[in-house]
Amino acid sequence: MAKDILIAATVKNVPNGQIDLPQLEPDKVVSGGFNVAFFVAGALAVIMIIVSGIMYMTAGGDTKKATLAMKALTVTVIGLIVIVLAAALVNFILGNIG
């Protein structure tokens, strides 16, 4: 009962009884989703670069730890390059479709 009164009050206070909702364009939603995903992936790559550097600095002369840190850094840099290329490709494709 209280919910019905609240809805009636909400509709009553709207001019002309119509609610104008923003129109979502599918290409902007897809583009925004990709941009968020690429931002998160890039941020994680930067964090992994920092962690790899800390691992390398704290290896303390242990070659296994230093090698592990260098492998982690190499894989992270390759991943960052893939992220940048994927972002460029997606933006190029979405730019030419729309």
C-alpha atoms as a PDB file:
ATOM      1  CA  MET A   1       0.000   0.000   0.000  1.00  0.00           C
ATOM      2  CA  ALA A   2       2.772   2.454   0.899  1.00  0.00           C
ATOM      3  CA  LYS A   3       4.598   1.542  -2.304  1.00  0.00           C
ATOM      4  CA  ASP A   4       1.523   2.438  -4.376  1.00  0.00           C
ATOM      5  CA  ILE A   5       1.262   5.808  -2.675  1.00  0.00           C
ATOM      6  CA  LEU A   6       4.957   6.523  -3.295  1.00  0.00           C
ATOM      7  CA  ILE A   7       4.659   5.646  -6.982  1.00  0.00           C
ATOM      8  CA  ALA A   8       1.532   7.763  -7.335  1.00  0.00           C
ATOM      9  CA  ALA A   9       3.268  10.690  -5.645  1.00  0.00           C
ATOM     10  CA  THR A  10       6.289  10.297  -7.899  1.00  0.00           C
ATOM     11  CA  VAL A  11       4.213  10.261 -11.076  1.00  0.00           C
ATOM     12  CA  LYS A  12       2.053  13.094  -9.804  1.00  0.00           C
ATOM     13  CA  ASN A  13       5.066  15.389  -9.365  1.00  0.00           C
ATOM     14  CA  VAL A  14       6.427  14.751 -12.884  1.00  0.00           C
ATOM     15  CA  PRO A  15       5.494  17.436 -15.460  1.00  0.00           C
ATOM     16  CA  ASN A  16       2.936  16.174 -18.017  1.00  0.00           C
ATOM     17  CA  GLY A  17       2.942  12.767 -16.331  1.00  0.00           C
ATOM     18  CA  GLN A  18       5.876  11.578 -18.458  1.00  0.00           C
ATOM     19  CA  ILE A  19       9.308  10.562 -17.329  1.00  0.00           C
ATOM     20  CA  ASP A  20      12.111  11.281 -19.789  1.00  0.00           C
ATOM     21  CA  LEU A  21      14.815   8.634 -19.480  1.00  0.00           C
ATOM     22  CA  PRO A  22      18.183   9.046 -21.196  1.00  0.00           C
ATOM     23  CA  GLN A  23      18.569   7.053 -24.391  1.00  0.00           C
ATOM     24  CA  LEU A  24      21.439   4.601 -24.297  1.00  0.00           C
ATOM     25  CA  GLU A  25      23.265   4.029 -27.549  1.00  0.00           C
ATOM     26  CA  PRO A  26      24.657   0.487 -27.861  1.00  0.00           C
ATOM     27  CA  ASP A  27      27.968   1.569 -29.399  1.00  0.00           C
ATOM     28  CA  LYS A  28      28.674   3.933 -26.501  1.00  0.00           C
ATOM     29  CA  VAL A  29      27.818   1.249 -23.957  1.00  0.00           C
ATOM     30  CA  VAL A  30      30.150  -1.264 -25.656  1.00  0.00           C
ATOM     31  CA  SER A  31      32.887   1.327 -26.047  1.00  0.00           C
ATOM     32  CA  GLY A  32      32.578   2.350 -22.393  1.00  0.00           C
ATOM     33  CA  GLY A  33      32.741  -1.262 -21.267  1.00  0.00           C
ATOM     34  CA  PHE A  34      35.880  -1.885 -23.287  1.00  0.00           C
ATOM     35  CA  ASN A  35      37.477   1.304 -21.962  1.00  0.00           C
ATOM     36  CA  VAL A  36      36.808   0.255 -18.366  1.00  0.00           C
ATOM     37  CA  ALA A  37      38.216  -3.231 -19.038  1.00  0.00           C
ATOM     38  CA  PHE A  38      41.359  -1.809 -20.662  1.00  0.00           C
ATOM     39  CA  PHE A  39      41.845   0.659 -17.811  1.00  0.00           C
ATOM     40  CA  VAL A  40      41.599  -2.107 -15.200  1.00  0.00           C
ATOM     41  CA  ALA A  41      43.966  -4.362 -17.179  1.00  0.00           C
ATOM     42  CA  GLY A  42      46.476  -1.531 -17.579  1.00  0.00           C
ATOM     43  CA  ALA A  43      46.322  -0.672 -13.888  1.00  0.00           C
ATOM     44  CA  LEU A  44      46.919  -4.314 -12.980  1.00  0.00           C
ATOM     45  CA  ALA A  45      49.873  -4.435 -15.381  1.00  0.00           C
ATOM     46  CA  VAL A  46      51.441  -1.384 -13.735  1.00  0.00           C
ATOM     47  CA  ILE A  47      50.948  -2.971 -10.311  1.00  0.00           C
ATOM     48  CA  MET A  48      52.599  -6.172 -11.536  1.00  0.00           C
ATOM     49  CA  ILE A  49      55.556  -4.195 -12.902  1.00  0.00           C
ATOM     50  CA  ILE A  50      56.025  -2.630  -9.479  1.00  0.00           C
ATOM     51  CA  VAL A  51      55.695  -6.015  -7.732  1.00  0.00           C
ATOM     52  CA  SER A  52      58.203  -7.568 -10.145  1.00  0.00           C
ATOM     53  CA  GLY A  53      60.645  -4.770  -9.433  1.00  0.00           C
ATOM     54  CA  ILE A  54      60.277  -5.258  -5.697  1.00  0.00           C
ATOM     55  CA  MET A  55      60.760  -9.019  -6.131  1.00  0.00           C
ATOM     56  CA  TYR A  56      63.950  -8.377  -8.110  1.00  0.00           C
ATOM     57  CA  MET A  57      65.311  -5.878  -5.590  1.00  0.00           C
ATOM     58  CA  THR A  58      64.636  -8.185  -2.645  1.00  0.00           C
ATOM     59  CA  ALA A  59      66.089 -11.288  -4.313  1.00  0.00           C
ATOM     60  CA  GLY A  60      69.232 -10.776  -2.271  1.00  0.00           C
ATOM     61  CA  GLY A  61      71.568 -12.444  -4.748  1.00  0.00           C
ATOM     62  CA  ASP A  62      69.400 -15.553  -5.097  1.00  0.00           C
ATOM     63  CA  THR A  63      69.451 -16.333  -8.818  1.00  0.00           C
ATOM     64  CA  LYS A  64      66.186 -18.305  -8.711  1.00  0.00           C
ATOM     65  CA  LYS A  65      64.284 -15.404  -7.168  1.00  0.00           C
ATOM     66  CA  ALA A  66      65.895 -12.898  -9.552  1.00  0.00           C
ATOM     67  CA  THR A  67      65.053 -15.101 -12.551  1.00  0.00           C
ATOM     68  CA  LEU A  68      61.462 -15.460 -11.346  1.00  0.00           C
ATOM     69  CA  ALA A  69      61.172 -11.688 -10.985  1.00  0.00           C
ATOM     70  CA  MET A  70      62.600 -11.106 -14.477  1.00  0.00           C
ATOM     71  CA  LYS A  71      60.169 -13.647 -15.972  1.00  0.00           C
ATOM     72  CA  ALA A  72      57.274 -11.952 -14.201  1.00  0.00           C
ATOM     73  CA  LEU A  73      58.428  -8.572 -15.519  1.00  0.00           C
ATOM     74  CA  THR A  74      58.817  -9.921 -19.064  1.00  0.00           C
ATOM     75  CA  VAL A  75      55.365 -11.517 -19.057  1.00  0.00           C
ATOM     76  CA  THR A  76      53.825  -8.347 -17.634  1.00  0.00           C
ATOM     77  CA  VAL A  77      55.416  -6.116 -20.270  1.00  0.00           C
ATOM     78  CA  ILE A  78      54.249  -8.477 -23.022  1.00  0.00           C
ATOM     79  CA  GLY A  79      50.746  -8.386 -21.508  1.00  0.00           C
ATOM     80  CA  LEU A  80      50.831  -4.589 -21.403  1.00  0.00           C
ATOM     81  CA  ILE A  81      51.789  -4.488 -25.086  1.00  0.00           C
ATOM     82  CA  VAL A  82      48.892  -6.839 -25.891  1.00  0.00           C
ATOM     83  CA  ILE A  83      46.512  -4.613 -23.887  1.00  0.00           C
ATOM     84  CA  VAL A  84      47.623  -1.486 -25.766  1.00  0.00           C
ATOM     85  CA  LEU A  85      47.322  -3.212 -29.155  1.00  0.00           C
ATOM     86  CA  ALA A  86      43.888  -4.622 -28.256  1.00  0.00           C
ATOM     87  CA  ALA A  87      42.674  -1.196 -27.142  1.00  0.00           C
ATOM     88  CA  ALA A  88      43.904   0.362 -30.384  1.00  0.00           C
ATOM     89  CA  LEU A  89      42.250  -2.378 -32.442  1.00  0.00           C
ATOM     90  CA  VAL A  90      38.919  -2.108 -30.617  1.00  0.00           C
ATOM     91  CA  ASN A  91      38.887   1.691 -30.890  1.00  0.00           C
ATOM     92  CA  PHE A  92      39.750   1.450 -34.598  1.00  0.00           C
ATOM     93  CA  ILE A  93      36.984  -1.072 -35.263  1.00  0.00           C
ATOM     94  CA  LEU A  94      34.363   0.795 -33.236  1.00  0.00           C
ATOM     95  CA  GLY A  95      35.419   4.082 -34.873  1.00  0.00           C
ATOM     96  CA  ASN A  96      34.924   2.668 -38.364  1.00  0.00           C
ATOM     97  CA  ILE A  97      31.630   0.916 -37.604  1.00  0.00           C
ATOM     98  CA  GLY A  98      29.920   3.934 -36.098  1.00  0.00           C
END
